[in-house]
Amino acid sequence: MAIDPRKVLPTKINLIRLKREYAMLKKIRRVLEEKREVILHYIRSAADEYNRYQREVFTSINEIFTKYYLGIAEEGFDRVESYFESVPESLRVRVGTRVVFAVKTPSFKLVDRSLPSIQLPFDSSPHLFSSINMLRGSLPSILKMAEYEETIRRLIRELANTQRLINAMDYVILPGYDWAIKYIKGVLEERMREDFVRLKLLKRKLEERASAMGEATQR
């Protein structure tokens, strides 16, 4: 937090304390900077993985829909729709948590036994069979893509929080301590100069008094 030098007693003890706190805060600032660099590294790595899965998923989805529409063209829309009316909505995903450099990120895993069974007549279009099998095979990659997308979102949020702390250090906290330390140093140096002047005056007066007493004794 910011410090107001006007509210700090200009004493040597406070000066020592502020210097220690200032040194500790600078170390914390370096740690935050290192954390920022590590988070950026993880973001780049997650982004690379996300892009890889995105290309894979988009290619698969394009092929799946191509085969699906070919199946509809061969079977007819109403007949294909009747095949899927009785399919239960049983698909489940197990959601876990991983920790990436003190940041909680999600982990998605498909529950295989929850995959609905789709029964097609034996004389159905092979394109429908192919599209269903391809979709089943693409589900793990789709979940991975979603996992990396949410991971990137959370890492970016943590990066923003870290950057705000660094900015607070750079523009509020550390300048406040630097100002307070300079203020106390200035006050203490001024006091030392005043004490030095007073001691010189006191020494001169003592010398003058000693000289006066010596002259009186001689008389």
Protein backbone atom coordinates (compact mmCIF):
# COMPACT_ATOMS: atom_id res chain seq x y z
CA MET A 1 0.00 0.00 0.00
CA ALA A 2 1.06 3.62 -0.45
CA ILE A 3 2.88 5.36 2.36
CA ASP A 4 2.55 9.02 3.35
CA PRO A 5 5.93 10.37 4.52
CA ARG A 6 4.18 13.18 6.42
CA LYS A 7 2.65 10.56 8.71
CA VAL A 8 5.97 8.82 9.46
CA LEU A 9 8.07 10.08 12.34
CA PRO A 10 11.48 11.09 10.94
CA THR A 11 13.58 8.88 13.21
CA LYS A 12 16.54 6.61 12.55
CA ILE A 13 14.52 3.56 13.60
CA ASN A 14 11.81 4.38 11.05
CA LEU A 15 14.45 5.02 8.40
CA ILE A 16 15.99 1.58 9.01
CA ARG A 17 12.55 -0.05 8.97
CA LEU A 18 11.52 1.66 5.73
CA LYS A 19 14.79 0.73 4.03
CA ARG A 20 14.26 -2.94 4.94
CA GLU A 21 10.66 -2.87 3.72
CA TYR A 22 11.74 -1.09 0.54
CA ALA A 23 14.35 -3.78 -0.19
CA MET A 24 11.78 -6.52 0.47
CA LEU A 25 9.22 -4.85 -1.83
CA LYS A 26 11.78 -4.64 -4.62
CA LYS A 27 12.39 -8.39 -4.26
CA ILE A 28 8.63 -8.99 -4.40
CA ARG A 29 8.49 -6.84 -7.52
CA ARG A 30 11.19 -9.00 -9.16
CA VAL A 31 9.25 -12.15 -8.23
CA LEU A 32 6.09 -10.68 -9.79
CA GLU A 33 8.02 -9.88 -12.95
CA GLU A 34 9.30 -13.46 -13.11
CA LYS A 35 5.75 -14.73 -12.53
CA ARG A 36 4.53 -12.58 -15.42
CA GLU A 37 7.15 -14.06 -17.74
CA VAL A 38 6.28 -17.63 -16.71
CA ILE A 39 2.54 -17.01 -17.23
CA LEU A 40 3.28 -15.58 -20.68
CA HIS A 41 5.25 -18.73 -21.47
CA TYR A 42 2.32 -20.92 -20.41
CA ILE A 43 -0.12 -18.78 -22.42
CA ARG A 44 2.01 -19.17 -25.57
CA SER A 45 2.29 -22.91 -25.00
CA ALA A 46 -1.47 -23.29 -24.39
CA ALA A 47 -2.22 -21.14 -27.44
CA ASP A 48 -0.07 -23.41 -29.62
CA GLU A 49 -1.94 -26.47 -28.35
CA TYR A 50 -5.29 -24.74 -28.79
CA ASN A 51 -4.46 -23.85 -32.40
CA ARG A 52 -3.38 -27.43 -33.09
CA TYR A 53 -6.61 -28.91 -31.71
CA GLN A 54 -8.67 -26.20 -33.41
CA ARG A 55 -7.26 -27.10 -36.84
CA GLU A 56 -7.82 -30.78 -36.13
CA VAL A 57 -11.41 -30.25 -34.91
CA PHE A 58 -12.39 -27.87 -37.70
CA THR A 59 -11.06 -30.28 -40.34
CA SER A 60 -12.95 -33.18 -38.75
CA ILE A 61 -16.17 -31.20 -38.37
CA ASN A 62 -16.01 -30.19 -42.02
CA GLU A 63 -15.64 -33.84 -43.07
CA ILE A 64 -18.36 -34.95 -40.64
CA PHE A 65 -20.91 -32.49 -41.99
CA THR A 66 -19.95 -33.32 -45.57
CA LYS A 67 -20.68 -37.02 -44.97
CA TYR A 68 -23.78 -36.21 -42.91
CA TYR A 69 -25.30 -34.10 -45.69
CA LEU A 70 -24.44 -36.77 -48.24
CA GLY A 71 -26.31 -39.23 -46.03
CA ILE A 72 -29.30 -36.89 -45.87
CA ALA A 73 -29.22 -36.57 -49.66
CA GLU A 74 -29.33 -40.37 -49.98
CA GLU A 75 -31.82 -41.11 -47.18
CA GLY A 76 -34.01 -38.02 -47.07
CA PHE A 77 -34.23 -35.51 -44.22
CA ASP A 78 -37.35 -36.98 -42.56
CA ARG A 79 -35.95 -40.50 -42.44
CA VAL A 80 -32.60 -39.36 -41.03
CA GLU A 81 -34.36 -37.23 -38.43
CA SER A 82 -36.39 -40.25 -37.31
CA TYR A 83 -33.14 -42.17 -36.66
CA PHE A 84 -32.04 -39.65 -34.05
CA GLU A 85 -35.37 -38.87 -32.33
CA SER A 86 -34.93 -41.72 -29.83
CA VAL A 87 -31.26 -41.02 -29.05
CA PRO A 88 -31.00 -40.15 -25.31
CA GLU A 89 -29.10 -37.08 -24.13
CA SER A 90 -26.74 -39.08 -21.95
CA LEU A 91 -23.35 -37.66 -22.87
CA ARG A 92 -21.38 -36.66 -19.76
CA VAL A 93 -18.04 -34.98 -19.20
CA ARG A 94 -15.97 -35.33 -16.05
CA VAL A 95 -14.60 -31.93 -15.02
CA GLY A 96 -11.40 -31.80 -13.00
CA THR A 97 -8.88 -29.17 -11.98
CA ARG A 98 -5.19 -28.77 -12.73
CA VAL A 99 -2.86 -26.19 -11.24
CA VAL A 100 -0.63 -24.34 -13.70
CA PHE A 101 1.80 -22.07 -11.83
CA ALA A 102 -0.67 -21.43 -8.97
CA VAL A 103 -3.55 -20.93 -11.45
CA LYS A 104 -6.44 -23.40 -11.34
CA THR A 105 -7.30 -24.58 -14.85
CA PRO A 106 -10.01 -27.03 -15.95
CA SER A 107 -9.58 -30.59 -17.13
CA PHE A 108 -12.32 -32.20 -19.26
CA LYS A 109 -12.58 -35.96 -19.74
CA LEU A 110 -15.28 -37.75 -21.68
CA VAL A 111 -17.18 -40.46 -19.80
CA ASP A 112 -17.05 -43.19 -22.45
CA ARG A 113 -19.98 -45.21 -21.13
CA SER A 114 -22.20 -42.13 -21.37
CA LEU A 115 -21.94 -42.05 -25.17
CA PRO A 116 -25.44 -42.73 -26.54
CA SER A 117 -25.93 -45.73 -28.73
CA ILE A 118 -27.33 -44.83 -32.15
CA GLN A 119 -29.06 -47.67 -33.95
CA LEU A 120 -29.26 -47.29 -37.72
CA PRO A 121 -30.93 -49.73 -40.11
CA PHE A 122 -28.54 -51.99 -41.98
CA ASP A 123 -29.58 -50.48 -45.28
CA SER A 124 -28.77 -46.92 -44.13
CA SER A 125 -26.36 -44.75 -46.03
CA PRO A 126 -22.71 -45.56 -45.25
CA HIS A 127 -22.13 -41.82 -45.08
CA LEU A 128 -24.33 -41.64 -41.95
CA PHE A 129 -22.39 -44.47 -40.30
CA SER A 130 -19.14 -42.74 -41.18
CA SER A 131 -20.26 -39.32 -39.88
CA ILE A 132 -21.39 -40.81 -36.53
CA ASN A 133 -18.11 -42.70 -36.05
CA MET A 134 -16.06 -39.65 -36.98
CA LEU A 135 -18.03 -37.50 -34.53
CA ARG A 136 -17.38 -40.02 -31.74
CA GLY A 137 -13.67 -39.97 -32.55
CA SER A 138 -13.58 -36.15 -32.58
CA LEU A 139 -15.15 -35.67 -29.14
CA PRO A 140 -11.84 -35.98 -27.17
CA SER A 141 -10.22 -33.36 -29.42
CA ILE A 142 -13.24 -31.05 -29.04
CA LEU A 143 -12.95 -31.33 -25.26
CA LYS A 144 -9.21 -30.66 -25.42
CA MET A 145 -9.83 -27.55 -27.49
CA ALA A 146 -12.38 -26.32 -24.92
CA GLU A 147 -9.96 -27.17 -22.11
CA TYR A 148 -7.13 -25.11 -23.61
CA GLU A 149 -9.50 -22.25 -24.42
CA GLU A 150 -10.60 -21.97 -20.78
CA THR A 151 -7.00 -22.42 -19.61
CA ILE A 152 -5.88 -19.48 -21.76
CA ARG A 153 -8.76 -17.36 -20.45
CA ARG A 154 -7.80 -18.02 -16.82
CA LEU A 155 -4.08 -17.50 -17.44
CA ILE A 156 -4.80 -14.16 -19.13
CA ARG A 157 -6.91 -13.14 -16.13
CA GLU A 158 -4.02 -14.03 -13.79
CA LEU A 159 -1.59 -12.17 -16.05
CA ALA A 160 -3.76 -9.05 -15.85
CA ASN A 161 -3.87 -9.27 -12.03
CA THR A 162 -0.09 -9.71 -11.89
CA GLN A 163 0.46 -6.73 -14.19
CA ARG A 164 -1.81 -4.59 -12.00
CA LEU A 165 0.31 -5.49 -8.96
CA ILE A 166 3.50 -4.61 -10.85
CA ASN A 167 1.99 -1.27 -11.90
CA ALA A 168 0.96 -0.57 -8.30
CA MET A 169 4.54 -1.32 -7.22
CA ASP A 170 6.06 0.89 -9.92
CA TYR A 171 3.75 3.89 -9.70
CA VAL A 172 2.42 3.94 -6.12
CA ILE A 173 4.10 1.75 -3.51
CA LEU A 174 7.80 1.95 -4.37
CA PRO A 175 7.74 5.70 -5.18
CA GLY A 176 5.96 6.31 -1.87
CA TYR A 177 8.66 4.45 0.05
CA ASP A 178 11.41 6.18 -1.93
CA TRP A 179 9.88 9.57 -1.13
CA ALA A 180 9.47 8.70 2.56
CA ILE A 181 13.09 7.52 2.83
CA LYS A 182 14.40 10.69 1.15
CA TYR A 183 12.16 12.82 3.38
CA ILE A 184 13.43 11.19 6.61
CA LYS A 185 17.03 11.35 5.39
CA GLY A 186 16.61 15.05 4.67
CA VAL A 187 15.11 15.74 8.12
CA LEU A 188 17.85 13.76 9.89
CA GLU A 189 20.61 15.48 7.90
CA GLU A 190 19.09 18.88 8.72
CA ARG A 191 19.02 17.94 12.40
CA MET A 192 22.65 16.84 12.23
CA ARG A 193 23.63 20.19 10.70
CA GLU A 194 21.68 22.06 13.39
CA ASP A 195 23.29 19.94 16.13
CA PHE A 196 26.72 20.59 14.62
CA VAL A 197 26.11 24.35 14.61
CA ARG A 198 24.81 24.25 18.20
CA LEU A 199 27.86 22.26 19.33
CA LYS A 200 30.21 24.74 17.66
CA LEU A 201 28.40 27.65 19.36
CA LEU A 202 28.48 25.83 22.69
CA LYS A 203 32.18 25.06 22.30
CA ARG A 204 32.90 28.72 21.48
CA LYS A 205 30.97 29.90 24.53
CA LEU A 206 32.78 27.45 26.76
CA GLU A 207 36.10 28.59 25.38
CA GLU A 208 35.16 32.25 25.91
CA ARG A 209 34.04 31.51 29.48
CA ALA A 210 37.24 29.58 30.21
CA SER A 211 39.28 32.46 28.79
CA ALA A 212 37.36 35.01 30.88
CA MET A 213 37.87 32.95 34.05
CA GLY A 214 41.59 32.65 33.30
CA GLU A 215 41.92 36.41 32.93
CA ALA A 216 40.01 36.98 36.21
CA THR A 217 42.29 34.56 38.04
CA GLN A 218 45.41 36.38 36.80
CA ARG A 219 44.10 39.64 38.22
